N, C-alpha and C. Protein backbone atom coordinates (compact mmCIF):
# COMPACT_ATOMS: atom_id res chain seq x y z
N UNK A 1 2.95 5.47 23.17
CA UNK A 1 2.75 6.41 24.25
C UNK A 1 2.18 5.64 25.44
N UNK A 2 2.83 5.77 26.57
CA UNK A 2 2.33 5.06 27.75
C UNK A 2 1.31 5.92 28.49
N UNK A 3 0.77 5.39 29.56
CA UNK A 3 -0.29 6.09 30.30
C UNK A 3 0.21 7.34 31.01
N UNK A 4 1.51 7.46 31.18
CA UNK A 4 2.09 8.65 31.80
C UNK A 4 2.40 9.72 30.76
N UNK A 5 2.06 9.44 29.48
CA UNK A 5 2.32 10.39 28.42
C UNK A 5 3.74 10.32 27.87
N UNK A 6 4.45 9.30 28.24
CA UNK A 6 5.84 9.13 27.79
C UNK A 6 5.88 8.36 26.47
N UNK A 7 6.59 8.90 25.51
CA UNK A 7 6.72 8.27 24.20
C UNK A 7 7.88 7.28 24.21
N UNK A 8 7.60 6.07 23.73
CA UNK A 8 8.64 5.04 23.67
C UNK A 8 8.87 4.67 22.21
N UNK A 9 10.13 4.49 21.85
CA UNK A 9 10.48 4.11 20.49
C UNK A 9 11.02 2.69 20.52
N UNK A 10 10.39 1.82 19.72
CA UNK A 10 10.84 0.44 19.62
C UNK A 10 11.56 0.28 18.29
N UNK A 11 12.74 -0.34 18.34
CA UNK A 11 13.53 -0.52 17.12
C UNK A 11 13.88 -1.99 16.94
N UNK A 12 13.69 -2.50 15.72
CA UNK A 12 14.05 -3.86 15.38
C UNK A 12 13.95 -3.99 13.87
N UNK A 13 14.03 -5.18 13.37
CA UNK A 13 13.91 -5.41 11.93
C UNK A 13 12.48 -5.15 11.47
N UNK A 14 12.32 -4.65 10.27
CA UNK A 14 11.02 -4.27 9.72
C UNK A 14 9.97 -5.37 9.86
N UNK A 15 10.25 -6.64 9.50
CA UNK A 15 9.21 -7.67 9.57
C UNK A 15 8.65 -7.93 10.97
N UNK A 16 9.34 -7.47 12.00
CA UNK A 16 8.83 -7.61 13.36
C UNK A 16 7.60 -6.71 13.56
N UNK A 17 7.53 -5.58 12.85
CA UNK A 17 6.48 -4.58 13.07
C UNK A 17 5.44 -4.45 11.96
N UNK A 18 5.78 -4.83 10.74
CA UNK A 18 4.87 -4.59 9.63
C UNK A 18 5.17 -5.52 8.45
N UNK A 19 4.16 -5.70 7.60
CA UNK A 19 4.36 -6.46 6.36
C UNK A 19 4.63 -5.51 5.20
N UNK A 20 4.62 -4.19 5.48
CA UNK A 20 4.93 -3.21 4.45
C UNK A 20 6.37 -3.35 3.99
N UNK A 21 6.61 -2.99 2.74
CA UNK A 21 7.95 -3.05 2.17
C UNK A 21 8.63 -1.70 2.40
N UNK A 22 9.29 -1.56 3.55
CA UNK A 22 9.94 -0.31 3.91
C UNK A 22 11.40 -0.34 3.49
N UNK A 23 11.91 0.82 3.10
CA UNK A 23 13.33 0.93 2.74
C UNK A 23 13.83 2.31 3.12
N UNK A 24 15.01 2.66 2.67
CA UNK A 24 15.63 3.94 3.03
C UNK A 24 14.81 5.14 2.55
N UNK A 25 13.96 4.96 1.55
CA UNK A 25 13.15 6.06 1.03
C UNK A 25 11.79 6.19 1.70
N UNK A 26 11.46 5.28 2.60
CA UNK A 26 10.18 5.33 3.31
C UNK A 26 10.20 6.47 4.33
N UNK A 27 9.01 6.94 4.69
CA UNK A 27 8.89 8.01 5.68
C UNK A 27 9.00 7.41 7.08
N UNK A 28 9.91 7.92 7.88
CA UNK A 28 10.12 7.46 9.26
C UNK A 28 10.00 8.63 10.22
N UNK A 29 9.60 8.43 11.47
CA UNK A 29 9.14 7.14 11.98
C UNK A 29 7.79 6.78 11.37
N UNK A 30 7.47 5.50 11.41
CA UNK A 30 6.21 5.02 10.88
C UNK A 30 5.55 4.13 11.92
N UNK A 31 4.25 3.95 11.79
CA UNK A 31 3.53 3.12 12.75
C UNK A 31 3.60 1.66 12.35
N UNK A 32 3.47 0.82 13.32
CA UNK A 32 3.43 -0.62 13.09
C UNK A 32 2.84 -1.28 14.32
N UNK A 33 2.96 -2.57 14.39
CA UNK A 33 2.46 -3.34 15.52
C UNK A 33 3.62 -4.05 16.20
N UNK A 34 3.56 -4.16 17.50
CA UNK A 34 4.59 -4.88 18.25
C UNK A 34 3.92 -6.00 19.04
N UNK A 35 4.34 -7.21 18.80
CA UNK A 35 3.81 -8.33 19.57
C UNK A 35 4.23 -8.17 21.02
N UNK A 36 3.33 -8.51 21.92
CA UNK A 36 3.63 -8.37 23.34
C UNK A 36 2.84 -9.39 24.14
N UNK A 37 3.17 -9.47 25.40
CA UNK A 37 2.46 -10.34 26.33
C UNK A 37 1.76 -9.46 27.35
N UNK A 38 0.48 -9.70 27.56
CA UNK A 38 -0.27 -8.95 28.56
C UNK A 38 0.06 -9.51 29.94
N UNK A 39 0.56 -8.65 30.80
CA UNK A 39 0.92 -9.05 32.15
C UNK A 39 -0.19 -8.77 33.15
N UNK A 40 -0.94 -7.69 32.89
CA UNK A 40 -1.99 -7.27 33.84
C UNK A 40 -2.96 -6.34 33.14
N UNK A 41 -4.24 -6.51 33.46
CA UNK A 41 -5.30 -5.60 33.01
C UNK A 41 -5.97 -5.03 34.26
N UNK A 42 -6.23 -3.73 34.25
CA UNK A 42 -6.88 -3.13 35.41
C UNK A 42 -7.46 -1.77 35.05
N UNK A 43 -8.23 -1.21 35.97
CA UNK A 43 -8.77 0.14 35.82
C UNK A 43 -8.04 1.05 36.80
N UNK A 44 -7.72 2.25 36.32
CA UNK A 44 -7.10 3.20 37.24
C UNK A 44 -8.18 3.93 38.04
N UNK A 45 -7.77 4.87 38.86
CA UNK A 45 -8.73 5.59 39.72
C UNK A 45 -9.74 6.43 38.94
N UNK A 46 -9.45 6.71 37.67
CA UNK A 46 -10.38 7.45 36.81
C UNK A 46 -11.30 6.51 36.03
N UNK A 47 -11.14 5.19 36.24
CA UNK A 47 -11.97 4.21 35.55
C UNK A 47 -11.47 3.85 34.15
N UNK A 48 -10.27 4.29 33.81
CA UNK A 48 -9.71 3.96 32.49
C UNK A 48 -9.16 2.54 32.49
N UNK A 49 -9.43 1.81 31.39
CA UNK A 49 -8.92 0.45 31.25
C UNK A 49 -7.45 0.52 30.83
N UNK A 50 -6.57 -0.07 31.63
CA UNK A 50 -5.14 -0.05 31.35
C UNK A 50 -4.60 -1.47 31.24
N UNK A 51 -3.50 -1.59 30.51
CA UNK A 51 -2.85 -2.89 30.33
C UNK A 51 -1.35 -2.72 30.52
N UNK A 52 -0.78 -3.56 31.35
CA UNK A 52 0.68 -3.60 31.49
C UNK A 52 1.17 -4.73 30.60
N UNK A 53 2.05 -4.41 29.66
CA UNK A 53 2.53 -5.39 28.69
C UNK A 53 4.04 -5.52 28.76
N UNK A 54 4.51 -6.67 28.26
CA UNK A 54 5.94 -6.93 28.13
C UNK A 54 6.23 -7.26 26.67
N UNK A 55 7.30 -6.71 26.14
CA UNK A 55 7.70 -7.00 24.76
C UNK A 55 8.84 -8.02 24.70
N UNK A 56 9.08 -8.70 25.81
CA UNK A 56 10.11 -9.75 25.83
C UNK A 56 9.67 -10.92 24.95
N UNK A 57 8.43 -11.37 25.13
CA UNK A 57 7.91 -12.47 24.32
C UNK A 57 7.03 -11.90 23.23
N UNK A 58 7.06 -12.32 22.03
CA UNK A 58 7.87 -13.42 21.53
C UNK A 58 9.18 -13.00 20.89
N UNK A 59 9.43 -11.67 20.70
CA UNK A 59 10.58 -11.25 19.88
C UNK A 59 11.67 -10.49 20.64
N UNK A 60 11.53 -10.34 21.95
CA UNK A 60 12.55 -9.65 22.74
C UNK A 60 12.82 -8.23 22.23
N UNK A 61 11.76 -7.47 22.05
CA UNK A 61 11.87 -6.10 21.55
C UNK A 61 12.04 -5.16 22.74
N UNK A 62 13.04 -4.28 22.66
CA UNK A 62 13.21 -3.30 23.72
C UNK A 62 13.13 -1.89 23.15
N UNK A 63 12.83 -0.95 24.02
CA UNK A 63 12.77 0.44 23.59
C UNK A 63 14.20 0.97 23.44
N UNK A 64 14.32 2.15 22.86
CA UNK A 64 15.64 2.75 22.71
C UNK A 64 16.25 3.09 24.07
N UNK A 65 15.42 3.07 25.12
CA UNK A 65 15.91 3.30 26.48
C UNK A 65 16.15 2.00 27.24
N UNK A 66 16.01 0.86 26.55
CA UNK A 66 16.26 -0.43 27.17
C UNK A 66 15.10 -0.98 27.98
N UNK A 67 13.88 -0.49 27.75
CA UNK A 67 12.72 -0.94 28.50
C UNK A 67 11.97 -2.04 27.75
N UNK A 68 11.36 -2.96 28.52
CA UNK A 68 10.57 -4.05 27.97
C UNK A 68 9.13 -4.05 28.46
N UNK A 69 8.83 -3.27 29.50
CA UNK A 69 7.48 -3.25 30.06
C UNK A 69 6.90 -1.85 29.97
N UNK A 70 5.59 -1.81 29.62
CA UNK A 70 4.91 -0.54 29.42
C UNK A 70 3.47 -0.68 29.91
N UNK A 71 2.93 0.39 30.46
CA UNK A 71 1.51 0.43 30.79
C UNK A 71 0.85 1.37 29.80
N UNK A 72 -0.13 0.83 29.08
CA UNK A 72 -0.79 1.58 28.00
C UNK A 72 -2.30 1.47 28.13
N UNK A 73 -2.99 2.31 27.39
CA UNK A 73 -4.45 2.22 27.33
C UNK A 73 -4.84 0.90 26.69
N UNK A 74 -5.87 0.28 27.22
CA UNK A 74 -6.34 -1.01 26.70
C UNK A 74 -6.73 -0.90 25.23
N UNK A 75 -7.09 0.29 24.77
CA UNK A 75 -7.48 0.48 23.38
C UNK A 75 -6.30 0.29 22.41
N UNK A 76 -5.07 0.32 22.92
CA UNK A 76 -3.89 0.13 22.07
C UNK A 76 -3.50 -1.33 21.92
N UNK A 77 -4.14 -2.21 22.68
CA UNK A 77 -3.80 -3.63 22.66
C UNK A 77 -4.87 -4.40 21.90
N UNK A 78 -4.43 -5.09 20.86
CA UNK A 78 -5.34 -5.87 20.01
C UNK A 78 -5.02 -7.35 20.18
N UNK A 79 -6.02 -8.15 20.58
CA UNK A 79 -5.73 -9.58 20.72
C UNK A 79 -5.48 -10.22 19.36
N UNK A 80 -4.63 -11.22 19.35
CA UNK A 80 -4.37 -11.96 18.13
C UNK A 80 -5.16 -13.26 18.16
N UNK A 81 -5.58 -13.75 16.99
CA UNK A 81 -6.31 -15.02 16.99
C UNK A 81 -5.39 -16.17 17.41
N UNK A 82 -5.94 -17.13 18.09
CA UNK A 82 -5.16 -18.30 18.53
C UNK A 82 -4.77 -19.19 17.39
């Protein structure tokens, strides 16, 4: 869900999003993680921490609408260890 309240669906191979063993009998849609690159961090006029991210790197993941960039709440972005 982006900051405008728009729901985005990302589709790719299971290992891109989770280590769970998903198959045709699994419950969908399901939650997972999507690797992304942080392009910008900022606060909006309400003081909310926002992050603009791109899903091009490292796996070239696009939404079902063909989008690669999203602005989301900073609470949805988790840094990965180096």
